[in-house]
Amino acid sequence: MTEITPAIRRHHRVAAASFALALSAGTLAGVGTVAAAPSAQAAESTYTVRSGDTLWRIAAANGVALSELMSLNGLSGSSIIYPGDVLRLTGTTTAAPAPTSGGTYTVRAGDGWWVISQRVGMSMSALTSLNGMTTSTMLHPGMVLKTSTAVERTSTTVPAPAPAPKPVRQSSSKQAAIDFMVAKVRSSSTYYAWGGNGPYGYDCSGLVKQAMAQSGITVARTSHDQYVNAPTKVSRANAQPGDLVFWANQSTGRIYHVAMYIGDGKIAHALNPTADLVITDMNIMSSNMLSVVGRY
């Protein structure tokens, strides 16, 4: 048996003590790290919506509950999000904005009819009726909606879409354009398609461009340019069949929709993916309709 000398014993005790001290320090450091509370001033995390994103996909990819994501951003399951929208991933829920003192509400990205009706405290039927629209009417950021509650006490139903009228015949060179618009609306093969130029799928300006071509008139491709380039602009009250009716974002002034006046107080247009191509009363979406029409 090997004899352990006092010197060796002292070496072992020193080594053991050093190890214990190091272990103790490491443990304490670890405890300190776990117990440390996150900074109250942590930066708020956001996510910029990309093409093809959905609320569920964004929530799953960022480890956020879908209900929390919608709550943080004042959205619902029916809300529409657009590429470029910035969504909050952390933070506290903020109260929904109240309508302005003038009794209006400005549509924000992601808003839907149900969301807005909840924010302004009125039913969807009353809100759409007050603005001359239906729940199938597409909303755009910047649109200004009336939010007077007086209509809710007298309006309980949304008026049925106006029946397709017999277009007013005229000697104008734009009769062929009017006939084209009406024929496309009445066709069971046509539908709304963003950026569509036909012969079956159209968006609002694509339909107008193809219709005007039937009368030998060349117009720009977008509704904004169709308005800017119109040679003559006259009061909407003096509209003639073949004139173009426009709607604009009241915040930016940019034109976002166009229709053709076909006479008898009616317009034909490619409205949205839900309504497709329709003939409606001229006063639809009146809050954002321009007071003048374009005449080519």
Protein backbone atom coordinates (compact mmCIF):
# COMPACT_ATOMS: atom_id res chain seq x y z
CA MET A 1 0.00 0.00 0.00
CA THR A 2 1.29 3.38 -0.93
CA GLU A 3 1.50 5.81 1.92
CA ILE A 4 -0.16 9.18 1.37
CA THR A 5 2.03 11.91 2.76
CA PRO A 6 0.70 15.09 4.42
CA ALA A 7 1.87 17.12 1.40
CA ILE A 8 -0.25 15.02 -1.00
CA ARG A 9 -3.28 15.27 1.30
CA ARG A 10 -2.95 19.10 1.32
CA HIS A 11 -2.76 19.12 -2.52
CA HIS A 12 -5.97 17.09 -2.81
CA ARG A 13 -7.81 19.33 -0.32
CA VAL A 14 -6.74 22.48 -2.20
CA ALA A 15 -7.81 21.02 -5.57
CA ALA A 16 -11.17 19.91 -4.17
CA ALA A 17 -11.80 23.29 -2.61
CA SER A 18 -10.94 25.07 -5.87
CA PHE A 19 -13.32 22.84 -7.79
CA ALA A 20 -16.12 23.40 -5.28
CA LEU A 21 -15.59 27.14 -5.42
CA ALA A 22 -15.69 27.17 -9.21
CA LEU A 23 -18.80 24.99 -9.25
CA SER A 24 -20.49 27.25 -6.73
CA ALA A 25 -19.69 30.36 -8.77
CA GLY A 26 -20.96 28.79 -11.96
CA THR A 27 -24.19 27.71 -10.29
CA LEU A 28 -24.80 31.14 -8.88
CA ALA A 29 -24.10 32.73 -12.24
CA GLY A 30 -26.58 30.35 -13.88
CA VAL A 31 -29.23 31.16 -11.30
CA GLY A 32 -28.67 34.84 -11.83
CA THR A 33 -29.13 34.43 -15.58
CA VAL A 34 -32.39 32.50 -15.27
CA ALA A 35 -33.88 34.81 -12.67
CA ALA A 36 -33.07 38.00 -14.55
CA ALA A 37 -36.28 39.66 -15.73
CA PRO A 38 -36.48 40.86 -19.32
CA SER A 39 -36.07 44.56 -19.83
CA ALA A 40 -39.33 46.46 -19.63
CA GLN A 41 -38.09 48.56 -22.51
CA ALA A 42 -37.64 45.63 -24.94
CA ALA A 43 -38.18 46.71 -28.53
CA GLU A 44 -41.52 45.85 -30.08
CA SER A 45 -41.29 43.11 -32.73
CA THR A 46 -43.02 43.52 -36.07
CA TYR A 47 -43.51 41.53 -39.29
CA THR A 48 -43.94 42.91 -42.80
CA VAL A 49 -46.54 40.97 -44.82
CA ARG A 50 -45.30 39.31 -47.99
CA SER A 51 -47.17 38.00 -51.00
CA GLY A 52 -48.96 34.73 -50.19
CA ASP A 53 -48.98 35.30 -46.42
CA THR A 54 -51.99 34.50 -44.25
CA LEU A 55 -52.62 35.41 -40.63
CA TRP A 56 -52.34 31.74 -39.61
CA ARG A 57 -49.04 31.29 -41.48
CA ILE A 58 -47.55 34.45 -39.95
CA ALA A 59 -48.64 33.43 -36.45
CA ALA A 60 -47.19 29.92 -36.81
CA ALA A 61 -43.89 31.12 -38.30
CA ASN A 62 -43.33 33.63 -35.51
CA GLY A 63 -44.50 31.55 -32.57
CA VAL A 64 -47.50 33.79 -31.81
CA ALA A 65 -51.02 32.57 -31.10
CA LEU A 66 -53.38 33.48 -33.95
CA SER A 67 -55.83 35.10 -31.53
CA GLU A 68 -53.03 37.18 -30.02
CA LEU A 69 -51.78 38.28 -33.46
CA MET A 70 -55.28 39.45 -34.43
CA SER A 71 -55.79 41.15 -31.06
CA LEU A 72 -52.48 43.02 -31.27
CA ASN A 73 -53.39 44.37 -34.71
CA GLY A 74 -57.14 44.91 -34.31
CA LEU A 75 -57.97 42.23 -36.89
CA SER A 76 -60.49 39.41 -37.20
CA GLY A 77 -60.57 36.14 -39.08
CA SER A 78 -62.26 37.88 -42.00
CA SER A 79 -59.67 40.68 -42.24
CA ILE A 80 -57.66 41.01 -45.45
CA ILE A 81 -53.93 41.64 -45.25
CA TYR A 82 -51.83 43.07 -48.06
CA PRO A 83 -48.11 42.80 -48.95
CA GLY A 84 -46.31 45.63 -47.20
CA ASP A 85 -48.61 45.75 -44.18
CA VAL A 86 -46.63 45.85 -40.92
CA LEU A 87 -48.08 43.64 -38.17
CA ARG A 88 -47.15 43.80 -34.49
CA LEU A 89 -45.93 40.50 -32.99
CA THR A 90 -45.48 41.76 -29.43
CA GLY A 91 -46.74 44.54 -27.23
CA THR A 92 -50.09 45.37 -25.76
CA THR A 93 -53.46 45.47 -27.44
CA THR A 94 -54.48 48.98 -28.38
CA ALA A 95 -58.03 50.17 -28.43
CA ALA A 96 -59.63 50.40 -31.82
CA PRO A 97 -59.80 53.94 -33.15
CA ALA A 98 -63.12 55.68 -32.71
CA PRO A 99 -64.85 57.33 -35.65
CA THR A 100 -63.96 60.96 -36.21
CA SER A 101 -66.10 63.72 -34.80
CA GLY A 102 -67.54 64.27 -38.26
CA GLY A 103 -69.24 60.85 -38.20
CA THR A 104 -66.84 59.12 -40.62
CA TYR A 105 -64.37 56.25 -40.51
CA THR A 106 -61.24 55.95 -42.69
CA VAL A 107 -60.61 52.38 -43.84
CA ARG A 108 -57.25 50.91 -42.82
CA ALA A 109 -55.31 48.00 -44.31
CA GLY A 110 -56.86 44.72 -43.16
CA ASP A 111 -60.28 46.22 -42.38
CA GLY A 112 -63.43 44.32 -43.28
CA TRP A 113 -67.10 45.21 -42.97
CA TRP A 114 -67.51 43.24 -39.73
CA VAL A 115 -64.40 44.75 -38.13
CA ILE A 116 -65.46 48.31 -38.97
CA SER A 117 -69.04 47.74 -37.80
CA GLN A 118 -67.71 46.58 -34.43
CA ARG A 119 -65.41 49.58 -34.15
CA VAL A 120 -68.09 52.15 -34.91
CA GLY A 121 -70.86 50.39 -32.97
CA MET A 122 -73.40 49.71 -35.69
CA SER A 123 -74.62 46.72 -37.68
CA MET A 124 -73.09 45.77 -41.01
CA SER A 125 -76.44 46.21 -42.77
CA ALA A 126 -76.78 49.74 -41.42
CA LEU A 127 -73.18 50.62 -42.29
CA THR A 128 -73.40 49.34 -45.86
CA SER A 129 -76.84 50.91 -46.42
CA LEU A 130 -75.64 54.28 -45.14
CA ASN A 131 -72.78 54.23 -47.67
CA GLY A 132 -74.78 52.90 -50.62
CA MET A 133 -72.81 49.63 -50.66
CA THR A 134 -73.23 45.93 -49.87
CA THR A 135 -71.08 43.52 -47.88
CA SER A 136 -69.64 42.31 -51.20
CA THR A 137 -68.28 45.78 -51.98
CA MET A 138 -64.48 45.75 -51.83
CA LEU A 139 -62.94 48.11 -49.28
CA HIS A 140 -59.67 49.95 -49.92
CA PRO A 141 -57.35 51.63 -47.40
CA GLY A 142 -58.11 55.35 -47.34
CA MET A 143 -61.82 55.05 -48.18
CA VAL A 144 -63.94 57.27 -45.93
CA LEU A 145 -67.19 55.70 -44.72
CA LYS A 146 -70.11 57.49 -43.10
CA THR A 147 -70.82 56.22 -39.58
CA SER A 148 -73.97 58.09 -38.53
CA THR A 149 -76.03 55.78 -36.32
CA ALA A 150 -79.35 57.36 -37.28
CA VAL A 151 -79.73 54.97 -40.22
CA GLU A 152 -79.56 51.94 -37.91
CA ARG A 153 -82.99 52.69 -36.46
CA THR A 154 -84.68 52.77 -39.85
CA SER A 155 -82.63 50.42 -42.02
CA THR A 156 -82.58 46.68 -41.42
CA THR A 157 -81.95 45.25 -44.88
CA VAL A 158 -79.53 45.87 -47.70
CA PRO A 159 -81.28 46.94 -50.94
CA ALA A 160 -81.22 44.30 -53.65
CA PRO A 161 -78.89 44.98 -56.61
CA ALA A 162 -80.59 46.95 -59.36
CA PRO A 163 -81.78 44.84 -62.30
CA ALA A 164 -79.80 45.20 -65.50
CA PRO A 165 -81.54 47.96 -67.49
CA LYS A 166 -81.89 48.22 -71.20
CA PRO A 167 -79.07 50.60 -72.13
CA VAL A 168 -80.04 53.95 -73.59
CA ARG A 169 -79.45 53.98 -77.32
CA GLN A 170 -77.70 57.02 -78.69
CA SER A 171 -75.94 58.18 -81.79
CA SER A 172 -72.70 58.66 -79.92
CA SER A 173 -69.59 57.00 -81.29
CA LYS A 174 -69.33 55.23 -77.91
CA GLN A 175 -72.43 53.07 -78.44
CA ALA A 176 -70.23 50.12 -79.40
CA ALA A 177 -68.33 50.54 -76.13
CA ILE A 178 -71.59 50.57 -74.15
CA ASP A 179 -72.86 47.46 -75.96
CA PHE A 180 -69.57 45.69 -75.19
CA MET A 181 -69.80 46.52 -71.47
CA VAL A 182 -73.40 45.32 -71.19
CA ALA A 183 -72.68 42.14 -73.14
CA LYS A 184 -69.73 41.25 -70.92
CA VAL A 185 -71.77 41.86 -67.76
CA ARG A 186 -74.59 39.64 -68.99
CA SER A 187 -72.28 36.86 -70.16
CA SER A 188 -72.11 33.82 -67.88
CA SER A 189 -68.48 33.25 -68.93
CA THR A 190 -66.99 36.51 -67.63
CA TYR A 191 -65.61 37.16 -64.16
CA TYR A 192 -63.48 39.60 -62.20
CA ALA A 193 -59.71 39.02 -62.42
CA TRP A 194 -57.09 41.41 -61.02
CA GLY A 195 -55.06 42.69 -63.98
CA GLY A 196 -57.38 40.89 -66.39
CA ASN A 197 -57.71 42.07 -70.00
CA GLY A 198 -60.24 39.47 -71.18
CA PRO A 199 -61.72 37.89 -73.07
CA TYR A 200 -63.25 36.37 -69.90
CA GLY A 201 -61.41 37.75 -66.88
CA TYR A 202 -61.33 41.53 -66.40
CA ASP A 203 -60.55 44.09 -63.75
CA CYS A 204 -62.27 47.49 -63.81
CA SER A 205 -59.82 49.39 -66.00
CA GLY A 206 -59.11 46.37 -68.23
CA LEU A 207 -62.82 46.08 -69.03
CA VAL A 208 -63.12 49.80 -69.80
CA LYS A 209 -60.04 49.75 -72.01
CA GLN A 210 -61.37 46.85 -74.10
CA ALA A 211 -64.82 48.44 -74.32
CA MET A 212 -63.49 51.79 -75.51
CA ALA A 213 -61.42 49.99 -78.14
CA GLN A 214 -64.70 48.76 -79.69
CA SER A 215 -65.47 52.40 -80.49
CA GLY A 216 -61.97 53.01 -81.83
CA ILE A 217 -60.91 54.95 -78.73
CA THR A 218 -57.57 54.18 -77.09
CA VAL A 219 -57.35 54.74 -73.35
CA ALA A 220 -54.65 54.01 -70.76
CA ARG A 221 -54.56 50.69 -68.90
CA THR A 222 -55.07 51.92 -65.31
CA SER A 223 -58.07 53.72 -63.87
CA HIS A 224 -55.82 56.50 -62.55
CA ASP A 225 -54.37 57.22 -65.99
CA GLN A 226 -57.78 56.89 -67.63
CA TYR A 227 -58.96 59.75 -65.42
CA VAL A 228 -55.86 61.90 -65.84
CA ASN A 229 -55.87 61.53 -69.63
CA ALA A 230 -59.59 62.13 -70.17
CA PRO A 231 -59.80 65.07 -72.65
CA THR A 232 -62.90 66.50 -70.99
CA LYS A 233 -64.28 66.34 -67.47
CA VAL A 234 -67.88 67.32 -66.80
CA SER A 235 -70.14 67.32 -63.77
CA ARG A 236 -71.45 63.88 -62.83
CA ALA A 237 -74.97 65.35 -63.01
CA ASN A 238 -74.40 65.97 -66.73
CA ALA A 239 -73.00 62.52 -67.51
CA GLN A 240 -73.78 61.02 -70.90
CA PRO A 241 -73.77 57.32 -71.84
CA GLY A 242 -70.19 56.30 -72.52
CA ASP A 243 -68.66 58.65 -69.93
CA LEU A 244 -66.33 57.15 -67.33
CA VAL A 245 -67.09 57.34 -63.61
CA PHE A 246 -64.23 57.27 -61.09
CA TRP A 247 -63.56 56.63 -57.39
CA ALA A 248 -60.55 57.94 -55.48
CA ASN A 249 -58.71 57.32 -52.22
CA GLN A 250 -59.56 60.44 -50.23
CA SER A 251 -56.25 60.33 -48.35
CA THR A 252 -53.96 60.14 -51.37
CA GLY A 253 -56.25 61.35 -54.16
CA ARG A 254 -55.30 58.35 -56.29
CA ILE A 255 -57.98 56.82 -58.50
CA TYR A 256 -58.64 53.15 -57.68
CA HIS A 257 -61.86 52.24 -59.59
CA VAL A 258 -63.59 53.08 -62.86
CA ALA A 259 -66.99 52.26 -64.41
CA MET A 260 -68.87 53.27 -67.54
CA TYR A 261 -72.12 55.21 -67.42
CA ILE A 262 -74.64 53.45 -69.68
CA GLY A 263 -77.61 55.76 -69.14
CA ASP A 264 -80.76 55.72 -67.00
CA GLY A 265 -78.71 56.31 -63.83
CA LYS A 266 -76.83 53.01 -64.22
CA ILE A 267 -73.17 52.06 -64.60
CA ALA A 268 -71.45 48.88 -65.78
CA HIS A 269 -68.18 47.77 -64.21
CA ALA A 270 -65.95 44.94 -63.02
CA LEU A 271 -66.52 45.52 -59.31
CA ASN A 272 -64.60 42.89 -57.32
CA PRO A 273 -63.92 39.12 -57.08
CA THR A 274 -67.18 38.59 -55.16
CA ALA A 275 -69.58 40.61 -57.32
CA ASP A 276 -67.67 40.07 -60.62
CA LEU A 277 -69.03 42.15 -63.55
CA VAL A 278 -72.23 44.03 -62.66
CA ILE A 279 -74.62 46.81 -63.57
CA THR A 280 -75.50 48.95 -60.55
CA ASP A 281 -76.99 52.29 -59.66
CA MET A 282 -74.63 55.15 -60.36
CA ASN A 283 -74.52 56.20 -56.69
CA ILE A 284 -72.84 53.01 -55.43
CA MET A 285 -69.88 53.80 -53.11
CA SER A 286 -70.91 57.45 -53.34
CA SER A 287 -68.60 58.62 -50.52
CA ASN A 288 -65.50 58.11 -52.67
CA MET A 289 -67.00 58.85 -56.09
CA LEU A 290 -65.59 61.86 -57.92
CA SER A 291 -67.98 64.71 -58.67
CA VAL A 292 -66.89 64.74 -62.32
CA VAL A 293 -66.82 62.11 -65.06
CA GLY A 294 -64.27 61.63 -67.82
CA ARG A 295 -65.41 62.05 -71.42
CA TYR A 296 -63.40 60.73 -74.40
